[in-house]
Amino acid sequence: MQRPAQVTASRTPAPVQAARVLLTAVAISHLVVPLVMGLKQNTLLAQIAIQQPDFGAAEVARSATIAVTSRATLLSMAFSVVSWSSSPS
């Protein structure tokens, strides 16, 4: 007679679950931050133009691009450090 295979439930350790949650948050932020910054780009352009009246249209646009890229890079690095430091060894 054959014995039925025993099914064992494997639980995912809490640190792994926490790491997955953090990685999901990072993924969502990578989608949301550029979207929000893109939607606010006109406001950013206006703020730069007001603060730098000597800038031409090309310089204002270039400054806005640099600001968006810098902010996205900064956030990406911050979330990466948090995810890495929270991941199980």
PDB file of N, CA and C in Angstrom:
ATOM      1  N   MET A   1       0.821  -1.176   0.000  1.00  0.00           N
ATOM      2  CA  MET A   1       0.000   0.000   0.000  1.00  0.00           C
ATOM      3  C   MET A   1       0.871   1.247   0.000  1.00  0.00           C
ATOM      4  N   GLN A   2       0.439   2.224  -0.744  1.00  0.00           N
ATOM      5  CA  GLN A   2       1.153   3.496  -0.763  1.00  0.00           C
ATOM      6  C   GLN A   2       0.551   4.443   0.264  1.00  0.00           C
ATOM      7  N   ARG A   3       1.449   5.163   0.927  1.00  0.00           N
ATOM      8  CA  ARG A   3       0.988   6.162   1.883  1.00  0.00           C
ATOM      9  C   ARG A   3       0.794   7.477   1.144  1.00  0.00           C
ATOM     10  N   PRO A   4      -0.243   8.218   1.493  1.00  0.00           N
ATOM     11  CA  PRO A   4      -0.425   9.511   0.808  1.00  0.00           C
ATOM     12  C   PRO A   4       0.702  10.472   1.169  1.00  0.00           C
ATOM     13  N   ALA A   5       1.054  11.284   0.217  1.00  0.00           N
ATOM     14  CA  ALA A   5       2.118  12.271   0.457  1.00  0.00           C
ATOM     15  C   ALA A   5       1.646  13.263   1.508  1.00  0.00           C
ATOM     16  N   GLN A   6       2.538  13.559   2.411  1.00  0.00           N
ATOM     17  CA  GLN A   6       2.205  14.489   3.475  1.00  0.00           C
ATOM     18  C   GLN A   6       2.442  15.916   2.979  1.00  0.00           C
ATOM     19  N   VAL A   7       1.452  16.732   3.159  1.00  0.00           N
ATOM     20  CA  VAL A   7       1.539  18.127   2.738  1.00  0.00           C
ATOM     21  C   VAL A   7       1.955  18.953   3.943  1.00  0.00           C
ATOM     22  N   THR A   8       3.022  19.705   3.765  1.00  0.00           N
ATOM     23  CA  THR A   8       3.470  20.571   4.852  1.00  0.00           C
ATOM     24  C   THR A   8       3.291  22.017   4.417  1.00  0.00           C
ATOM     25  N   ALA A   9       2.762  22.791   5.298  1.00  0.00           N
ATOM     26  CA  ALA A   9       2.581  24.216   5.017  1.00  0.00           C
ATOM     27  C   ALA A   9       3.882  24.941   5.340  1.00  0.00           C
ATOM     28  N   SER A  10       4.364  25.656   4.376  1.00  0.00           N
ATOM     29  CA  SER A  10       5.585  26.417   4.629  1.00  0.00           C
ATOM     30  C   SER A  10       5.190  27.869   4.866  1.00  0.00           C
ATOM     31  N   ARG A  11       5.615  28.402   5.975  1.00  0.00           N
ATOM     32  CA  ARG A  11       5.336  29.791   6.318  1.00  0.00           C
ATOM     33  C   ARG A  11       6.509  30.644   5.863  1.00  0.00           C
ATOM     34  N   THR A  12       6.172  31.770   5.338  1.00  0.00           N
ATOM     35  CA  THR A  12       7.212  32.720   4.940  1.00  0.00           C
ATOM     36  C   THR A  12       7.647  33.483   6.188  1.00  0.00           C
ATOM     37  N   PRO A  13       8.954  33.504   6.464  1.00  0.00           N
ATOM     38  CA  PRO A  13       9.434  34.206   7.656  1.00  0.00           C
ATOM     39  C   PRO A  13       9.046  35.694   7.638  1.00  0.00           C
ATOM     40  N   ALA A  14       8.836  36.247   8.818  1.00  0.00           N
ATOM     41  CA  ALA A  14       8.420  37.647   8.954  1.00  0.00           C
ATOM     42  C   ALA A  14       9.389  38.626   8.284  1.00  0.00           C
ATOM     43  N   PRO A  15      10.714  38.447   8.421  1.00  0.00           N
ATOM     44  CA  PRO A  15      11.624  39.386   7.744  1.00  0.00           C
ATOM     45  C   PRO A  15      11.468  39.365   6.218  1.00  0.00           C
ATOM     46  N   VAL A  16      11.182  38.204   5.668  1.00  0.00           N
ATOM     47  CA  VAL A  16      10.990  38.100   4.217  1.00  0.00           C
ATOM     48  C   VAL A  16       9.700  38.810   3.819  1.00  0.00           C
ATOM     49  N   GLN A  17       8.654  38.638   4.622  1.00  0.00           N
ATOM     50  CA  GLN A  17       7.400  39.327   4.344  1.00  0.00           C
ATOM     51  C   GLN A  17       7.593  40.844   4.420  1.00  0.00           C
ATOM     52  N   ALA A  18       8.341  41.298   5.422  1.00  0.00           N
ATOM     53  CA  ALA A  18       8.607  42.737   5.562  1.00  0.00           C
ATOM     54  C   ALA A  18       9.398  43.258   4.366  1.00  0.00           C
ATOM     55  N   ALA A  19      10.384  42.495   3.918  1.00  0.00           N
ATOM     56  CA  ALA A  19      11.182  42.901   2.760  1.00  0.00           C
ATOM     57  C   ALA A  19      10.310  42.995   1.507  1.00  0.00           C
ATOM     58  N   ARG A  20       9.386  42.055   1.364  1.00  0.00           N
ATOM     59  CA  ARG A  20       8.488  42.096   0.210  1.00  0.00           C
ATOM     60  C   ARG A  20       7.600  43.330   0.241  1.00  0.00           C
ATOM     61  N   VAL A  21       7.115  43.681   1.430  1.00  0.00           N
ATOM     62  CA  VAL A  21       6.281  44.878   1.569  1.00  0.00           C
ATOM     63  C   VAL A  21       7.091  46.117   1.206  1.00  0.00           C
ATOM     64  N   LEU A  22       8.323  46.206   1.699  1.00  0.00           N
ATOM     65  CA  LEU A  22       9.177  47.352   1.381  1.00  0.00           C
ATOM     66  C   LEU A  22       9.483  47.430  -0.113  1.00  0.00           C
ATOM     67  N   LEU A  23       9.759  46.299  -0.720  1.00  0.00           N
ATOM     68  CA  LEU A  23      10.039  46.286  -2.154  1.00  0.00           C
ATOM     69  C   LEU A  23       8.816  46.703  -2.963  1.00  0.00           C
ATOM     70  N   THR A  24       7.645  46.296  -2.500  1.00  0.00           N
ATOM     71  CA  THR A  24       6.410  46.722  -3.158  1.00  0.00           C
ATOM     72  C   THR A  24       6.243  48.229  -3.035  1.00  0.00           C
ATOM     73  N   ALA A  25       6.533  48.766  -1.855  1.00  0.00           N
ATOM     74  CA  ALA A  25       6.452  50.219  -1.654  1.00  0.00           C
ATOM     75  C   ALA A  25       7.434  50.946  -2.569  1.00  0.00           C
ATOM     76  N   VAL A  26       8.624  50.394  -2.715  1.00  0.00           N
ATOM     77  CA  VAL A  26       9.627  50.994  -3.605  1.00  0.00           C
ATOM     78  C   VAL A  26       9.128  50.980  -5.046  1.00  0.00           C
ATOM     79  N   ALA A  27       8.580  49.864  -5.454  1.00  0.00           N
ATOM     80  CA  ALA A  27       8.075  49.759  -6.829  1.00  0.00           C
ATOM     81  C   ALA A  27       6.965  50.768  -7.086  1.00  0.00           C
ATOM     82  N   ILE A  28       6.056  50.891  -6.134  1.00  0.00           N
ATOM     83  CA  ILE A  28       4.960  51.851  -6.286  1.00  0.00           C
ATOM     84  C   ILE A  28       5.504  53.271  -6.332  1.00  0.00           C
ATOM     85  N   SER A  29       6.464  53.569  -5.464  1.00  0.00           N
ATOM     86  CA  SER A  29       7.022  54.929  -5.447  1.00  0.00           C
ATOM     87  C   SER A  29       7.732  55.254  -6.752  1.00  0.00           C
ATOM     88  N   HIS A  30       8.360  54.250  -7.352  1.00  0.00           N
ATOM     89  CA  HIS A  30       9.039  54.488  -8.625  1.00  0.00           C
ATOM     90  C   HIS A  30       8.041  54.801  -9.738  1.00  0.00           C
ATOM     91  N   LEU A  31       6.808  54.376  -9.561  1.00  0.00           N
ATOM     92  CA  LEU A  31       5.780  54.703 -10.536  1.00  0.00           C
ATOM     93  C   LEU A  31       5.096  56.033 -10.220  1.00  0.00           C
ATOM     94  N   VAL A  32       4.849  56.281  -8.947  1.00  0.00           N
ATOM     95  CA  VAL A  32       4.082  57.449  -8.537  1.00  0.00           C
ATOM     96  C   VAL A  32       4.902  58.734  -8.604  1.00  0.00           C
ATOM     97  N   VAL A  33       6.134  58.703  -8.122  1.00  0.00           N
ATOM     98  CA  VAL A  33       6.940  59.930  -8.048  1.00  0.00           C
ATOM     99  C   VAL A  33       7.130  60.573  -9.425  1.00  0.00           C
ATOM    100  N   PRO A  34       7.569  59.842 -10.447  1.00  0.00           N
ATOM    101  CA  PRO A  34       7.710  60.498 -11.758  1.00  0.00           C
ATOM    102  C   PRO A  34       6.369  60.998 -12.311  1.00  0.00           C
ATOM    103  N   LEU A  35       5.300  60.264 -12.035  1.00  0.00           N
ATOM    104  CA  LEU A  35       3.991  60.689 -12.507  1.00  0.00           C
ATOM    105  C   LEU A  35       3.578  62.017 -11.868  1.00  0.00           C
ATOM    106  N   VAL A  36       3.713  62.109 -10.557  1.00  0.00           N
ATOM    107  CA  VAL A  36       3.351  63.340  -9.846  1.00  0.00           C
ATOM    108  C   VAL A  36       4.247  64.496 -10.288  1.00  0.00           C
ATOM    109  N   MET A  37       5.537  64.232 -10.397  1.00  0.00           N
ATOM    110  CA  MET A  37       6.452  65.297 -10.807  1.00  0.00           C
ATOM    111  C   MET A  37       6.166  65.748 -12.239  1.00  0.00           C
ATOM    112  N   GLY A  38       5.773  64.819 -13.086  1.00  0.00           N
ATOM    113  CA  GLY A  38       5.411  65.178 -14.452  1.00  0.00           C
ATOM    114  C   GLY A  38       4.168  66.051 -14.485  1.00  0.00           C
ATOM    115  N   LEU A  39       3.194  65.719 -13.622  1.00  0.00           N
ATOM    116  CA  LEU A  39       1.971  66.514 -13.552  1.00  0.00           C
ATOM    117  C   LEU A  39       2.233  67.912 -12.999  1.00  0.00           C
ATOM    118  N   LYS A  40       3.222  68.026 -12.137  1.00  0.00           N
ATOM    119  CA  LYS A  40       3.553  69.309 -11.511  1.00  0.00           C
ATOM    120  C   LYS A  40       4.637  70.077 -12.278  1.00  0.00           C
ATOM    121  N   GLN A  41       5.005  69.606 -13.446  1.00  0.00           N
ATOM    122  CA  GLN A  41       6.111  70.218 -14.171  1.00  0.00           C
ATOM    123  C   GLN A  41       5.823  71.676 -14.541  1.00  0.00           C
ATOM    124  N   ASN A  42       4.591  71.990 -14.884  1.00  0.00           N
ATOM    125  CA  ASN A  42       4.269  73.383 -15.221  1.00  0.00           C
ATOM    126  C   ASN A  42       4.464  74.296 -14.016  1.00  0.00           C
ATOM    127  N   THR A  43       4.090  73.817 -12.836  1.00  0.00           N
ATOM    128  CA  THR A  43       4.301  74.592 -11.614  1.00  0.00           C
ATOM    129  C   THR A  43       5.787  74.788 -11.368  1.00  0.00           C
ATOM    130  N   LEU A  44       6.549  73.709 -11.570  1.00  0.00           N
ATOM    131  CA  LEU A  44       7.997  73.790 -11.389  1.00  0.00           C
ATOM    132  C   LEU A  44       8.625  74.786 -12.369  1.00  0.00           C
ATOM    133  N   LEU A  45       8.198  74.739 -13.618  1.00  0.00           N
ATOM    134  CA  LEU A  45       8.704  75.682 -14.617  1.00  0.00           C
ATOM    135  C   LEU A  45       8.407  77.121 -14.201  1.00  0.00           C
ATOM    136  N   ALA A  46       7.189  77.360 -13.720  1.00  0.00           N
ATOM    137  CA  ALA A  46       6.806  78.709 -13.301  1.00  0.00           C
ATOM    138  C   ALA A  46       7.636  79.179 -12.104  1.00  0.00           C
ATOM    139  N   GLN A  47       7.864  78.271 -11.146  1.00  0.00           N
ATOM    140  CA  GLN A  47       8.657  78.636  -9.974  1.00  0.00           C
ATOM    141  C   GLN A  47      10.093  78.974 -10.353  1.00  0.00           C
ATOM    142  N   ILE A  48      10.666  78.187 -11.246  1.00  0.00           N
ATOM    143  CA  ILE A  48      12.049  78.452 -11.678  1.00  0.00           C
ATOM    144  C   ILE A  48      12.112  79.781 -12.426  1.00  0.00           C
ATOM    145  N   ALA A  49      11.138  80.028 -13.300  1.00  0.00           N
ATOM    146  CA  ALA A  49      11.125  81.273 -14.067  1.00  0.00           C
ATOM    147  C   ALA A  49      10.994  82.488 -13.149  1.00  0.00           C
ATOM    148  N   ILE A  50      10.203  82.364 -12.075  1.00  0.00           N
ATOM    149  CA  ILE A  50      10.041  83.481 -11.134  1.00  0.00           C
ATOM    150  C   ILE A  50      11.326  83.706 -10.345  1.00  0.00           C
ATOM    151  N   GLN A  51      11.938  82.613  -9.902  1.00  0.00           N
ATOM    152  CA  GLN A  51      13.140  82.727  -9.072  1.00  0.00           C
ATOM    153  C   GLN A  51      14.374  83.106  -9.876  1.00  0.00           C
ATOM    154  N   GLN A  52      14.371  82.789 -11.157  1.00  0.00           N
ATOM    155  CA  GLN A  52      15.517  83.084 -12.026  1.00  0.00           C
ATOM    156  C   GLN A  52      15.050  83.880 -13.241  1.00  0.00           C
ATOM    157  N   PRO A  53      14.744  85.151 -13.069  1.00  0.00           N
ATOM    158  CA  PRO A  53      14.194  85.937 -14.187  1.00  0.00           C
ATOM    159  C   PRO A  53      15.170  86.118 -15.358  1.00  0.00           C
ATOM    160  N   ASP A  54      16.442  85.891 -15.121  1.00  0.00           N
ATOM    161  CA  ASP A  54      17.428  86.034 -16.204  1.00  0.00           C
ATOM    162  C   ASP A  54      17.477  84.808 -17.116  1.00  0.00           C
ATOM    163  N   PHE A  55      16.860  83.711 -16.692  1.00  0.00           N
ATOM    164  CA  PHE A  55      16.887  82.482 -17.493  1.00  0.00           C
ATOM    165  C   PHE A  55      15.943  82.614 -18.688  1.00  0.00           C
ATOM    166  N   GLY A  56      16.407  82.094 -19.818  1.00  0.00           N
ATOM    167  CA  GLY A  56      15.542  81.994 -20.982  1.00  0.00           C
ATOM    168  C   GLY A  56      14.696  80.729 -20.873  1.00  0.00           C
ATOM    169  N   ALA A  57      13.834  80.545 -21.857  1.00  0.00           N
ATOM    170  CA  ALA A  57      12.934  79.389 -21.839  1.00  0.00           C
ATOM    171  C   ALA A  57      13.706  78.064 -21.838  1.00  0.00           C
ATOM    172  N   ALA A  58      14.784  77.987 -22.614  1.00  0.00           N
ATOM    173  CA  ALA A  58      15.577  76.752 -22.675  1.00  0.00           C
ATOM    174  C   ALA A  58      16.254  76.462 -21.342  1.00  0.00           C
ATOM    175  N   GLU A  59      16.768  77.497 -20.684  1.00  0.00           N
ATOM    176  CA  GLU A  59      17.421  77.301 -19.384  1.00  0.00           C
ATOM    177  C   GLU A  59      16.421  76.885 -18.311  1.00  0.00           C
ATOM    178  N   VAL A  60      15.219  77.460 -18.358  1.00  0.00           N
ATOM    179  CA  VAL A  60      14.174  77.083 -17.402  1.00  0.00           C
ATOM    180  C   VAL A  60      13.788  75.624 -17.607  1.00  0.00           C
ATOM    181  N   ALA A  61      13.599  75.223 -18.866  1.00  0.00           N
ATOM    182  CA  ALA A  61      13.236  73.836 -19.168  1.00  0.00           C
ATOM    183  C   ALA A  61      14.337  72.878 -18.735  1.00  0.00           C
ATOM    184  N   ARG A  62      15.589  73.242 -18.997  1.00  0.00           N
ATOM    185  CA  ARG A  62      16.719  72.393 -18.606  1.00  0.00           C
ATOM    186  C   ARG A  62      16.798  72.281 -17.082  1.00  0.00           C
ATOM    187  N   SER A  63      16.567  73.383 -16.391  1.00  0.00           N
ATOM    188  CA  SER A  63      16.588  73.377 -14.923  1.00  0.00           C
ATOM    189  C   SER A  63      15.485  72.494 -14.357  1.00  0.00           C
ATOM    190  N   ALA A  64      14.310  72.535 -14.959  1.00  0.00           N
ATOM    191  CA  ALA A  64      13.202  71.690 -14.509  1.00  0.00           C
ATOM    192  C   ALA A  64      13.526  70.217 -14.722  1.00  0.00           C
ATOM    193  N   THR A  65      14.124  69.910 -15.851  1.00  0.00           N
ATOM    194  CA  THR A  65      14.512  68.515 -16.124  1.00  0.00           C
ATOM    195  C   THR A  65      15.533  68.030 -15.103  1.00  0.00           C
ATOM    196  N   ILE A  66      16.500  68.873 -14.799  1.00  0.00           N
ATOM    197  CA  ILE A  66      17.515  68.515 -13.797  1.00  0.00           C
ATOM    198  C   ILE A  66      16.870  68.316 -12.429  1.00  0.00           C
ATOM    199  N   ALA A  67      15.945  69.194 -12.067  1.00  0.00           N
ATOM    200  CA  ALA A  67      15.277  69.089 -10.765  1.00  0.00           C
ATOM    201  C   ALA A  67      14.478  67.789 -10.661  1.00  0.00           C
ATOM    202  N   VAL A  68      13.734  67.446 -11.703  1.00  0.00           N
ATOM    203  CA  VAL A  68      12.931  66.212 -11.694  1.00  0.00           C
ATOM    204  C   VAL A  68      13.831  64.999 -11.626  1.00  0.00           C
ATOM    205  N   THR A  69      14.882  64.984 -12.437  1.00  0.00           N
ATOM    206  CA  THR A  69      15.806  63.847 -12.455  1.00  0.00           C
ATOM    207  C   THR A  69      16.526  63.706 -11.123  1.00  0.00           C
ATOM    208  N   SER A  70      16.973  64.809 -10.567  1.00  0.00           N
ATOM    209  CA  SER A  70      17.677  64.767  -9.280  1.00  0.00           C
ATOM    210  C   SER A  70      16.771  64.255  -8.180  1.00  0.00           C
ATOM    211  N   ARG A  71      15.552  64.730  -8.145  1.00  0.00           N
ATOM    212  CA  ARG A  71      14.604  64.313  -7.109  1.00  0.00           C
ATOM    213  C   ARG A  71      14.276  62.825  -7.245  1.00  0.00           C
ATOM    214  N   ALA A  72      14.032  62.366  -8.461  1.00  0.00           N
ATOM    215  CA  ALA A  72      13.719  60.949  -8.673  1.00  0.00           C
ATOM    216  C   ALA A  72      14.905  60.079  -8.276  1.00  0.00           C
ATOM    217  N   THR A  73      16.126  60.531  -8.606  1.00  0.00           N
ATOM    218  CA  THR A  73      17.329  59.772  -8.244  1.00  0.00           C
ATOM    219  C   THR A  73      17.506  59.732  -6.736  1.00  0.00           C
ATOM    220  N   LEU A  74      17.294  60.861  -6.079  1.00  0.00           N
ATOM    221  CA  LEU A  74      17.421  60.925  -4.615  1.00  0.00           C
ATOM    222  C   LEU A  74      16.434  59.976  -3.934  1.00  0.00           C
ATOM    223  N   LEU A  75      15.183  60.015  -4.393  1.00  0.00           N
ATOM    224  CA  LEU A  75      14.180  59.132  -3.801  1.00  0.00           C
ATOM    225  C   LEU A  75      14.499  57.667  -4.067  1.00  0.00           C
ATOM    226  N   SER A  76      14.954  57.382  -5.262  1.00  0.00           N
ATOM    227  CA  SER A  76      15.311  56.006  -5.606  1.00  0.00           C
ATOM    228  C   SER A  76      16.429  55.492  -4.709  1.00  0.00           C
ATOM    229  N   MET A  77      17.434  56.339  -4.481  1.00  0.00           N
ATOM    230  CA  MET A  77      18.547  55.923  -3.617  1.00  0.00           C
ATOM    231  C   MET A  77      18.075  55.741  -2.181  1.00  0.00           C
ATOM    232  N   ALA A  78      17.227  56.626  -1.694  1.00  0.00           N
ATOM    233  CA  ALA A  78      16.733  56.512  -0.314  1.00  0.00           C
ATOM    234  C   ALA A  78      15.935  55.232  -0.130  1.00  0.00           C
ATOM    235  N   PHE A  79      15.039  54.932  -1.050  1.00  0.00           N
ATOM    236  CA  PHE A  79      14.249  53.705  -0.929  1.00  0.00           C
ATOM    237  C   PHE A  79      15.118  52.469  -1.087  1.00  0.00           C
ATOM    238  N   SER A  80      16.136  52.536  -1.919  1.00  0.00           N
ATOM    239  CA  SER A  80      17.037  51.392  -2.092  1.00  0.00           C
ATOM    240  C   SER A  80      17.802  51.113  -0.812  1.00  0.00           C
ATOM    241  N   VAL A  81      18.277  52.159  -0.134  1.00  0.00           N
ATOM    242  CA  VAL A  81      19.001  51.975   1.121  1.00  0.00           C
ATOM    243  C   VAL A  81      18.086  51.373   2.175  1.00  0.00           C
ATOM    244  N   VAL A  82      16.854  51.879   2.262  1.00  0.00           N
ATOM    245  CA  VAL A  82      15.901  51.344   3.243  1.00  0.00           C
ATOM    246  C   VAL A  82      15.601  49.880   2.933  1.00  0.00           C
ATOM    247  N   SER A  83      15.386  49.560   1.680  1.00  0.00           N
ATOM    248  CA  SER A  83      15.093  48.175   1.308  1.00  0.00           C
ATOM    249  C   SER A  83      16.277  47.268   1.583  1.00  0.00           C
ATOM    250  N   TRP A  84      17.462  47.722   1.239  1.00  0.00           N
ATOM    251  CA  TRP A  84      18.651  46.911   1.435  1.00  0.00           C
ATOM    252  C   TRP A  84      18.915  46.688   2.931  1.00  0.00           C
ATOM    253  N   SER A  85      18.783  47.734   3.726  1.00  0.00           N
ATOM    254  CA  SER A  85      19.075  47.591   5.152  1.00  0.00           C
ATOM    255  C   SER A  85      18.014  46.766   5.867  1.00  0.00           C
ATOM    256  N   SER A  86      16.817  46.657   5.283  1.00  0.00           N
ATOM    257  CA  SER A  86      15.751  45.887   5.908  1.00  0.00           C
ATOM    258  C   SER A  86      15.700  44.446   5.417  1.00  0.00           C
ATOM    259  N   SER A  87      16.459  44.130   4.401  1.00  0.00           N
ATOM    260  CA  SER A  87      16.392  42.781   3.845  1.00  0.00           C
ATOM    261  C   SER A  87      17.111  41.787   4.777  1.00  0.00           C
ATOM    262  N   PRO A  88      16.605  40.551   4.796  1.00  0.00           N
ATOM    263  CA  PRO A  88      17.233  39.546   5.652  1.00  0.00           C
ATOM    264  C   PRO A  88      18.647  39.211   5.188  1.00  0.00           C
ATOM    265  N   SER A  89      19.493  38.895   6.112  1.00  0.00           N
ATOM    266  CA  SER A  89      20.906  38.586   5.789  1.00  0.00           C
ATOM    267  C   SER A  89      21.044  37.248   5.150  1.00  0.00           C
TER     268      SER A  89
END
